[in-house]
Protein backbone atom coordinates (compact mmCIF):
# COMPACT_ATOMS: atom_id res chain seq x y z
CA MET A 1 -1.31 25.43 20.51
CA LEU A 2 -2.04 25.04 16.52
CA SER A 3 -4.74 26.81 14.89
CA PHE A 4 -7.60 24.77 13.21
CA GLU A 5 -5.99 25.90 9.92
CA ALA A 6 -2.47 24.59 10.80
CA LEU A 7 -3.92 21.39 12.21
CA ALA A 8 -6.13 20.72 9.06
CA ALA A 9 -2.90 21.42 7.11
CA VAL A 10 -0.68 18.79 8.97
CA ASN A 11 -3.66 16.26 8.69
CA GLY A 12 -3.65 16.93 4.96
CA GLN A 13 -0.13 16.45 4.44
CA GLU A 14 -0.07 13.29 6.54
CA ARG A 15 -3.00 12.06 4.30
CA ALA A 16 -1.20 12.89 1.36
CA ARG A 17 1.76 11.14 2.27
CA SER A 18 -0.30 8.13 3.06
CA THR A 19 -1.57 7.92 -0.49
CA HIS A 20 1.79 7.93 -1.83
CA LEU A 21 2.93 5.06 -0.21
CA CYS A 22 4.22 2.48 -2.68
CA TYR A 23 4.58 -1.29 -1.98
CA THR A 24 7.02 -3.68 -3.76
CA PHE A 25 6.66 -7.34 -3.34
CA ASP A 26 9.07 -9.99 -4.22
CA MET A 27 8.13 -13.27 -5.88
CA LYS A 28 10.09 -16.52 -6.45
CA ILE A 29 10.81 -18.00 -10.22
CA HIS A 30 12.36 -21.26 -11.08
CA ILE A 31 15.17 -21.21 -13.55
CA ARG A 32 16.63 -24.06 -15.28
CA TYR A 33 20.06 -23.99 -17.14
CA PHE A 34 20.86 -26.17 -20.27
CA ALA A 35 23.94 -26.91 -22.26
CA SER A 36 26.58 -24.24 -22.00
CA LEU A 37 24.65 -22.02 -19.65
CA ARG A 38 24.72 -25.04 -17.27
CA GLU A 39 28.40 -25.43 -17.72
CA ILE A 40 29.14 -21.44 -17.12
CA THR A 41 26.92 -21.16 -14.12
CA GLU A 42 27.67 -24.62 -12.77
CA LEU A 43 23.78 -24.86 -11.87
CA SER A 44 21.37 -27.06 -13.50
CA GLU A 45 18.37 -24.61 -11.79
CA GLU A 46 17.83 -22.43 -9.10
CA ILE A 47 15.01 -20.42 -7.24
CA LEU A 48 15.53 -16.70 -7.98
CA THR A 49 13.82 -13.95 -6.16
CA VAL A 50 12.77 -11.02 -8.36
CA GLN A 51 10.58 -8.01 -7.84
CA ASP A 52 6.66 -8.35 -8.87
CA GLY A 53 6.13 -7.28 -12.26
CA ALA A 54 9.87 -8.22 -13.46
CA THR A 55 10.43 -9.27 -16.94
CA VAL A 56 12.19 -11.80 -18.79
CA ALA A 57 14.78 -8.96 -19.96
CA ASP A 58 15.06 -7.71 -16.13
CA VAL A 59 15.93 -11.33 -15.13
CA ARG A 60 18.37 -11.69 -18.11
CA ALA A 61 20.13 -8.41 -16.79
CA GLN A 62 20.31 -10.04 -13.46
CA LEU A 63 21.83 -13.11 -14.40
CA LEU A 64 24.31 -11.19 -16.71
CA ALA A 65 25.43 -9.18 -13.74
CA ARG A 66 26.12 -12.58 -11.68
CA PHE A 67 27.52 -14.58 -14.66
CA PRO A 68 29.10 -12.13 -17.12
CA ARG A 69 30.68 -15.10 -19.16
CA ILE A 70 27.10 -16.04 -20.06
CA GLN A 71 26.67 -12.78 -22.23
CA LEU A 72 27.67 -14.37 -26.01
CA VAL A 73 25.44 -17.38 -25.07
CA MET A 74 22.39 -15.16 -23.82
CA GLU A 75 22.67 -12.80 -27.03
CA ARG A 76 21.78 -15.98 -29.27
CA SER A 77 19.20 -17.90 -26.61
CA VAL A 78 15.80 -17.95 -26.74
CA CYS A 79 13.48 -17.85 -23.76
CA ALA A 80 10.43 -20.01 -22.56
CA VAL A 81 8.28 -19.30 -19.84
CA ASN A 82 6.07 -22.26 -18.58
CA ARG A 83 7.21 -24.18 -21.58
CA GLY A 84 6.20 -21.60 -24.04
CA TYR A 85 8.45 -19.49 -26.06
CA VAL A 86 8.18 -15.67 -25.11
CA GLY A 87 9.78 -12.40 -25.93
CA ALA A 88 11.94 -10.47 -23.65
CA GLU A 89 9.10 -8.13 -22.62
CA THR A 90 7.12 -10.86 -21.02
CA VAL A 91 6.05 -10.22 -17.40
CA LEU A 92 6.93 -13.05 -14.95
CA HIS A 93 4.58 -14.45 -12.19
CA GLU A 94 5.06 -16.06 -8.86
CA ASP A 95 6.26 -19.75 -9.66
CA ASP A 96 6.94 -19.43 -13.22
CA GLU A 97 9.50 -21.73 -14.70
CA LEU A 98 12.09 -19.50 -17.01
CA VAL A 99 14.33 -21.17 -19.44
CA PHE A 100 16.82 -19.65 -21.67
CA ILE A 101 17.47 -22.22 -24.32
CA PRO A 102 21.11 -21.74 -25.85
CA PRO A 103 21.78 -22.54 -29.58
CA MET A 104 22.59 -26.11 -30.24
CA GLY A 105 24.85 -27.54 -32.55
CA GLY A 106 25.49 -31.12 -33.32
CA GLY A 107 24.75 -33.76 -35.82
CA SER A 108 26.90 -35.71 -38.01
CA LYS A 109 28.36 -35.34 -41.52
CA GLN A 110 26.69 -37.91 -43.72
CA GLU A 111 28.98 -39.79 -46.06
CA LYS A 112 27.77 -40.49 -49.69
């Protein structure tokens, strides 16, 4: 049989363990691909599941792991969340729309 002190110590350890539990939740974000990113990924959009508190930089790293060929384009792309330009440190939230906007070329040479 356990002494009162031993029982208290066991209860204290159990209580200490229960206060250190950490829960992580997943969230879904919507990603849209344009121009060369669409061509390389062969996707126009997708729903991506990421950890709660993920940043734009985290998603960029996840996409680079899946699609290594997009690295050069991603290095020169700007990003937007919910139609507003943001930095890589921006924290994402459930149902956000994330877009990486690759550099665009084009136009025509004017003749004089």
